[in-house]
Amino acid sequence: AVVSTQSTGCLRSFVFILKIRTFYHFFMVVVKTFARIIRTILVIILYVLFFSCFAVHVFGEIYLQSDDEIYKGEFITAPLAFIRIFVLITTENYPDVMMPVYNYHNSTFIYFVVF
């Protein structure tokens, strides 16, 4: 009984604030915005996951044969590919990652354009 009294005491101010109509409206807008942000982040993660798995299957061997020591083996495992593709969203080092594959075969630029 002591625990429930203490926990409800903490929640009283929260319930009182929610009863105020303007704060309730503000709170609901924040919750809806947060839900949209989470949805957007999940879409980005799924997008990057799809392209990283595709890169592992298609470009894995090409990056193992690459002369570039920095990016050698970057697309050999899914976690490494996920991190590399996630960094490519910011367009940082984009040509450095694309060029070993592009030098191997010119049509591989389609993957990076679609991404």
N, C-alpha and C. Protein backbone atom coordinates (compact mmCIF):
# COMPACT_ATOMS: atom_id res chain seq x y z
N ALA A 1 0.83 -1.19 0.00
CA ALA A 1 0.00 0.00 0.00
C ALA A 1 0.87 1.26 0.00
N VAL A 2 2.04 1.16 0.64
CA VAL A 2 2.91 2.33 0.70
C VAL A 2 3.49 2.64 -0.68
N VAL A 3 3.84 1.62 -1.43
CA VAL A 3 4.42 1.82 -2.74
C VAL A 3 3.40 2.46 -3.69
N SER A 4 2.16 1.99 -3.67
CA SER A 4 1.16 2.54 -4.58
C SER A 4 0.82 3.98 -4.21
N THR A 5 0.84 4.33 -2.92
CA THR A 5 0.57 5.70 -2.52
C THR A 5 1.68 6.63 -2.99
N GLN A 6 2.92 6.17 -2.90
CA GLN A 6 4.04 6.99 -3.34
C GLN A 6 4.04 7.16 -4.86
N SER A 7 3.72 6.12 -5.59
CA SER A 7 3.72 6.23 -7.04
C SER A 7 2.57 7.08 -7.54
N THR A 8 1.41 7.00 -6.90
CA THR A 8 0.29 7.84 -7.32
C THR A 8 0.52 9.29 -6.93
N GLY A 9 1.27 9.51 -5.88
CA GLY A 9 1.60 10.88 -5.49
C GLY A 9 2.45 11.57 -6.54
N CYS A 10 3.35 10.83 -7.14
CA CYS A 10 4.19 11.38 -8.21
C CYS A 10 3.38 11.65 -9.47
N LEU A 11 2.38 10.84 -9.70
CA LEU A 11 1.59 10.97 -10.91
C LEU A 11 0.49 12.03 -10.81
N ARG A 12 0.16 12.47 -9.59
CA ARG A 12 -0.92 13.45 -9.42
C ARG A 12 -0.66 14.73 -10.20
N SER A 13 0.57 15.24 -10.13
CA SER A 13 0.87 16.47 -10.85
C SER A 13 0.79 16.26 -12.36
N PHE A 14 1.19 15.09 -12.82
CA PHE A 14 1.11 14.78 -14.24
C PHE A 14 -0.34 14.72 -14.70
N VAL A 15 -1.20 14.08 -13.93
CA VAL A 15 -2.63 14.00 -14.26
C VAL A 15 -3.26 15.38 -14.23
N PHE A 16 -2.89 16.20 -13.27
CA PHE A 16 -3.44 17.55 -13.17
C PHE A 16 -3.04 18.38 -14.39
N ILE A 17 -1.78 18.25 -14.81
CA ILE A 17 -1.31 19.01 -15.97
C ILE A 17 -2.03 18.56 -17.24
N LEU A 18 -2.29 17.25 -17.35
CA LEU A 18 -2.98 16.75 -18.53
C LEU A 18 -4.43 17.23 -18.59
N LYS A 19 -4.99 17.59 -17.47
CA LYS A 19 -6.37 18.08 -17.46
C LYS A 19 -6.47 19.49 -18.01
N ILE A 20 -5.40 20.20 -17.99
CA ILE A 20 -5.41 21.53 -18.58
C ILE A 20 -5.47 21.34 -20.10
N ARG A 21 -6.46 21.90 -20.72
CA ARG A 21 -6.74 21.63 -22.13
C ARG A 21 -5.59 22.03 -23.06
N THR A 22 -4.99 23.17 -22.87
CA THR A 22 -3.93 23.61 -23.77
C THR A 22 -2.69 22.74 -23.64
N PHE A 23 -2.36 22.36 -22.42
CA PHE A 23 -1.20 21.50 -22.25
C PHE A 23 -1.47 20.12 -22.84
N TYR A 24 -2.69 19.65 -22.69
CA TYR A 24 -3.05 18.36 -23.27
C TYR A 24 -2.88 18.40 -24.79
N HIS A 25 -3.33 19.48 -25.41
CA HIS A 25 -3.18 19.62 -26.86
C HIS A 25 -1.69 19.64 -27.24
N PHE A 26 -0.90 20.40 -26.52
CA PHE A 26 0.54 20.47 -26.77
C PHE A 26 1.18 19.09 -26.61
N PHE A 27 0.81 18.39 -25.56
CA PHE A 27 1.35 17.07 -25.29
C PHE A 27 1.01 16.10 -26.42
N MET A 28 -0.20 16.14 -26.93
CA MET A 28 -0.60 15.25 -28.01
C MET A 28 0.14 15.58 -29.31
N VAL A 29 0.38 16.86 -29.57
CA VAL A 29 1.15 17.24 -30.76
C VAL A 29 2.58 16.71 -30.65
N VAL A 30 3.17 16.81 -29.48
CA VAL A 30 4.52 16.29 -29.26
C VAL A 30 4.56 14.78 -29.46
N VAL A 31 3.57 14.07 -28.95
CA VAL A 31 3.52 12.61 -29.09
C VAL A 31 3.37 12.23 -30.56
N LYS A 32 2.51 12.91 -31.29
CA LYS A 32 2.32 12.60 -32.71
C LYS A 32 3.59 12.91 -33.51
N THR A 33 4.25 14.00 -33.18
CA THR A 33 5.49 14.35 -33.87
C THR A 33 6.57 13.32 -33.58
N PHE A 34 6.65 12.90 -32.33
CA PHE A 34 7.63 11.88 -31.95
C PHE A 34 7.37 10.58 -32.70
N ALA A 35 6.11 10.21 -32.85
CA ALA A 35 5.76 8.99 -33.58
C ALA A 35 6.17 9.09 -35.04
N ARG A 36 5.99 10.26 -35.65
CA ARG A 36 6.40 10.46 -37.04
C ARG A 36 7.92 10.40 -37.19
N ILE A 37 8.63 10.96 -36.23
CA ILE A 37 10.09 10.92 -36.26
C ILE A 37 10.58 9.48 -36.17
N ILE A 38 10.00 8.71 -35.28
CA ILE A 38 10.38 7.30 -35.12
C ILE A 38 10.10 6.53 -36.41
N ARG A 39 8.95 6.79 -37.03
CA ARG A 39 8.61 6.14 -38.29
C ARG A 39 9.63 6.48 -39.38
N THR A 40 10.02 7.74 -39.45
CA THR A 40 10.99 8.17 -40.45
C THR A 40 12.35 7.50 -40.21
N ILE A 41 12.77 7.44 -38.97
CA ILE A 41 14.04 6.78 -38.64
C ILE A 41 14.00 5.30 -39.02
N LEU A 42 12.88 4.64 -38.77
CA LEU A 42 12.75 3.23 -39.14
C LEU A 42 12.80 3.04 -40.65
N VAL A 43 12.19 3.94 -41.40
CA VAL A 43 12.25 3.85 -42.86
C VAL A 43 13.68 4.02 -43.35
N ILE A 44 14.40 4.97 -42.78
CA ILE A 44 15.80 5.18 -43.17
C ILE A 44 16.64 3.95 -42.83
N ILE A 45 16.43 3.37 -41.67
CA ILE A 45 17.19 2.18 -41.27
C ILE A 45 16.89 1.02 -42.21
N LEU A 46 15.62 0.82 -42.57
CA LEU A 46 15.28 -0.25 -43.50
C LEU A 46 15.87 -0.01 -44.89
N TYR A 47 15.86 1.23 -45.32
CA TYR A 47 16.44 1.61 -46.61
C TYR A 47 17.94 1.31 -46.64
N VAL A 48 18.63 1.71 -45.60
CA VAL A 48 20.08 1.47 -45.52
C VAL A 48 20.35 -0.02 -45.39
N LEU A 49 19.54 -0.73 -44.62
CA LEU A 49 19.71 -2.17 -44.46
C LEU A 49 19.55 -2.91 -45.78
N PHE A 50 18.54 -2.52 -46.56
CA PHE A 50 18.33 -3.14 -47.87
C PHE A 50 19.53 -2.91 -48.78
N PHE A 51 19.98 -1.67 -48.89
CA PHE A 51 21.10 -1.37 -49.78
C PHE A 51 22.41 -1.97 -49.29
N SER A 52 22.58 -2.09 -47.99
CA SER A 52 23.81 -2.70 -47.49
C SER A 52 23.83 -4.20 -47.74
N CYS A 53 22.70 -4.87 -47.57
CA CYS A 53 22.64 -6.31 -47.88
C CYS A 53 22.85 -6.56 -49.36
N PHE A 54 22.27 -5.69 -50.19
CA PHE A 54 22.48 -5.81 -51.64
C PHE A 54 23.95 -5.61 -51.99
N ALA A 55 24.60 -4.65 -51.35
CA ALA A 55 26.01 -4.37 -51.62
C ALA A 55 26.89 -5.54 -51.20
N VAL A 56 26.55 -6.18 -50.09
CA VAL A 56 27.35 -7.33 -49.64
C VAL A 56 27.30 -8.44 -50.68
N HIS A 57 26.12 -8.70 -51.21
CA HIS A 57 25.98 -9.79 -52.17
C HIS A 57 26.57 -9.46 -53.54
N VAL A 58 26.49 -8.22 -53.94
CA VAL A 58 26.93 -7.86 -55.29
C VAL A 58 28.39 -7.39 -55.32
N PHE A 59 28.78 -6.57 -54.34
CA PHE A 59 30.09 -5.93 -54.40
C PHE A 59 31.12 -6.51 -53.44
N GLY A 60 30.76 -7.50 -52.66
CA GLY A 60 31.69 -8.03 -51.65
C GLY A 60 33.03 -8.45 -52.21
N GLU A 61 33.01 -9.23 -53.27
CA GLU A 61 34.24 -9.74 -53.87
C GLU A 61 35.04 -8.62 -54.55
N ILE A 62 34.35 -7.65 -55.09
CA ILE A 62 35.05 -6.55 -55.77
C ILE A 62 35.89 -5.76 -54.78
N TYR A 63 35.34 -5.51 -53.59
CA TYR A 63 36.08 -4.74 -52.59
C TYR A 63 37.21 -5.54 -51.96
N LEU A 64 37.14 -6.86 -52.02
CA LEU A 64 38.27 -7.67 -51.54
C LEU A 64 39.44 -7.59 -52.50
N GLN A 65 39.15 -7.43 -53.79
CA GLN A 65 40.20 -7.36 -54.81
C GLN A 65 40.68 -5.93 -55.04
N SER A 66 40.10 -4.98 -54.33
CA SER A 66 40.43 -3.57 -54.55
C SER A 66 41.87 -3.26 -54.15
N ASP A 67 42.48 -2.32 -54.87
CA ASP A 67 43.84 -1.87 -54.54
C ASP A 67 43.84 -0.85 -53.42
N ASP A 68 42.69 -0.24 -53.16
CA ASP A 68 42.56 0.79 -52.14
C ASP A 68 42.55 0.13 -50.76
N GLU A 69 43.59 0.38 -49.98
CA GLU A 69 43.71 -0.27 -48.67
C GLU A 69 42.69 0.24 -47.65
N ILE A 70 42.22 1.46 -47.82
CA ILE A 70 41.28 2.04 -46.85
C ILE A 70 39.94 1.32 -46.90
N TYR A 71 39.43 1.10 -48.10
CA TYR A 71 38.10 0.52 -48.25
C TYR A 71 38.12 -0.96 -48.61
N LYS A 72 39.26 -1.59 -48.52
CA LYS A 72 39.36 -3.01 -48.85
C LYS A 72 38.57 -3.84 -47.84
N GLY A 73 37.63 -4.63 -48.33
CA GLY A 73 36.81 -5.48 -47.47
C GLY A 73 35.67 -4.78 -46.77
N GLU A 74 35.31 -3.57 -47.19
CA GLU A 74 34.24 -2.84 -46.52
C GLU A 74 32.87 -3.46 -46.70
N PHE A 75 32.63 -4.10 -47.82
CA PHE A 75 31.32 -4.67 -48.09
C PHE A 75 31.34 -6.19 -48.01
N ILE A 76 32.17 -6.71 -47.11
CA ILE A 76 32.24 -8.17 -46.98
C ILE A 76 31.24 -8.69 -45.94
N THR A 77 30.90 -7.89 -44.94
CA THR A 77 29.90 -8.29 -43.95
C THR A 77 28.80 -7.24 -43.89
N ALA A 78 27.62 -7.67 -43.45
CA ALA A 78 26.47 -6.77 -43.39
C ALA A 78 26.67 -5.61 -42.41
N PRO A 79 27.24 -5.82 -41.21
CA PRO A 79 27.42 -4.67 -40.32
C PRO A 79 28.37 -3.61 -40.87
N LEU A 80 29.46 -4.05 -41.49
CA LEU A 80 30.38 -3.08 -42.09
C LEU A 80 29.72 -2.34 -43.26
N ALA A 81 28.98 -3.08 -44.05
CA ALA A 81 28.28 -2.46 -45.18
C ALA A 81 27.22 -1.49 -44.68
N PHE A 82 26.52 -1.84 -43.60
CA PHE A 82 25.49 -0.95 -43.04
C PHE A 82 26.12 0.37 -42.61
N ILE A 83 27.23 0.29 -41.93
CA ILE A 83 27.90 1.52 -41.47
C ILE A 83 28.39 2.34 -42.66
N ARG A 84 28.97 1.68 -43.65
CA ARG A 84 29.48 2.41 -44.82
C ARG A 84 28.35 3.07 -45.59
N ILE A 85 27.24 2.37 -45.79
CA ILE A 85 26.10 2.94 -46.51
C ILE A 85 25.47 4.06 -45.69
N PHE A 86 25.41 3.90 -44.38
CA PHE A 86 24.85 4.96 -43.54
C PHE A 86 25.71 6.22 -43.63
N VAL A 87 27.01 6.07 -43.69
CA VAL A 87 27.90 7.22 -43.86
C VAL A 87 27.69 7.84 -45.24
N LEU A 88 27.40 7.03 -46.23
CA LEU A 88 27.17 7.56 -47.58
C LEU A 88 25.92 8.43 -47.66
N ILE A 89 25.00 8.27 -46.74
CA ILE A 89 23.82 9.15 -46.71
C ILE A 89 24.26 10.61 -46.56
N THR A 90 25.32 10.81 -45.83
CA THR A 90 25.81 12.18 -45.63
C THR A 90 26.66 12.65 -46.81
N THR A 91 26.85 11.81 -47.80
CA THR A 91 27.67 12.03 -49.00
C THR A 91 29.15 12.26 -48.67
N GLU A 92 29.58 11.86 -47.50
CA GLU A 92 30.99 11.96 -47.14
C GLU A 92 31.73 10.78 -47.74
N ASN A 93 32.83 11.03 -48.40
CA ASN A 93 33.65 10.00 -49.05
C ASN A 93 32.88 9.21 -50.10
N TYR A 94 31.89 9.80 -50.68
CA TYR A 94 31.07 9.11 -51.67
C TYR A 94 31.91 8.62 -52.86
N PRO A 95 32.72 9.48 -53.47
CA PRO A 95 33.53 8.98 -54.60
C PRO A 95 34.55 7.93 -54.18
N ASP A 96 35.08 8.04 -52.98
CA ASP A 96 36.07 7.08 -52.53
C ASP A 96 35.48 5.68 -52.42
N VAL A 97 34.23 5.60 -52.01
CA VAL A 97 33.58 4.30 -51.86
C VAL A 97 33.11 3.79 -53.22
N MET A 98 32.64 4.69 -54.07
CA MET A 98 32.07 4.29 -55.35
C MET A 98 33.14 3.91 -56.38
N MET A 99 34.27 4.57 -56.38
CA MET A 99 35.25 4.40 -57.45
C MET A 99 35.84 2.99 -57.58
N PRO A 100 36.14 2.25 -56.50
CA PRO A 100 36.66 0.89 -56.71
C PRO A 100 35.69 0.01 -57.49
N VAL A 101 34.40 0.14 -57.21
CA VAL A 101 33.40 -0.66 -57.92
C VAL A 101 33.22 -0.13 -59.34
N TYR A 102 33.22 1.18 -59.48
CA TYR A 102 33.06 1.79 -60.80
C TYR A 102 34.22 1.44 -61.71
N ASN A 103 35.42 1.37 -61.17
CA ASN A 103 36.58 0.97 -61.97
C ASN A 103 36.49 -0.48 -62.42
N TYR A 104 35.83 -1.30 -61.60
CA TYR A 104 35.66 -2.72 -61.95
C TYR A 104 34.66 -2.88 -63.10
N HIS A 105 33.52 -2.16 -63.00
CA HIS A 105 32.51 -2.21 -64.06
C HIS A 105 31.73 -0.90 -64.05
N ASN A 106 31.62 -0.27 -65.21
CA ASN A 106 31.02 1.06 -65.31
C ASN A 106 29.52 1.09 -64.97
N SER A 107 28.82 0.01 -65.16
CA SER A 107 27.38 0.03 -64.92
C SER A 107 27.02 0.00 -63.43
N THR A 108 28.00 -0.20 -62.56
CA THR A 108 27.70 -0.23 -61.13
C THR A 108 27.34 1.13 -60.56
N PHE A 109 27.55 2.19 -61.33
CA PHE A 109 27.16 3.51 -60.85
C PHE A 109 25.65 3.60 -60.65
N ILE A 110 24.88 2.73 -61.32
CA ILE A 110 23.42 2.73 -61.17
C ILE A 110 23.03 2.48 -59.72
N TYR A 111 23.73 1.58 -59.06
CA TYR A 111 23.46 1.30 -57.64
C TYR A 111 23.61 2.57 -56.80
N PHE A 112 24.67 3.31 -57.02
CA PHE A 112 24.91 4.50 -56.23
C PHE A 112 23.98 5.64 -56.61
N VAL A 113 23.55 5.70 -57.85
CA VAL A 113 22.59 6.72 -58.25
C VAL A 113 21.23 6.44 -57.63
N VAL A 114 20.81 5.19 -57.65
CA VAL A 114 19.52 4.81 -57.04
C VAL A 114 19.58 5.04 -55.53
N PHE A 115 20.72 4.72 -54.94
CA PHE A 115 20.86 4.96 -53.50
C PHE A 115 20.79 6.44 -53.21
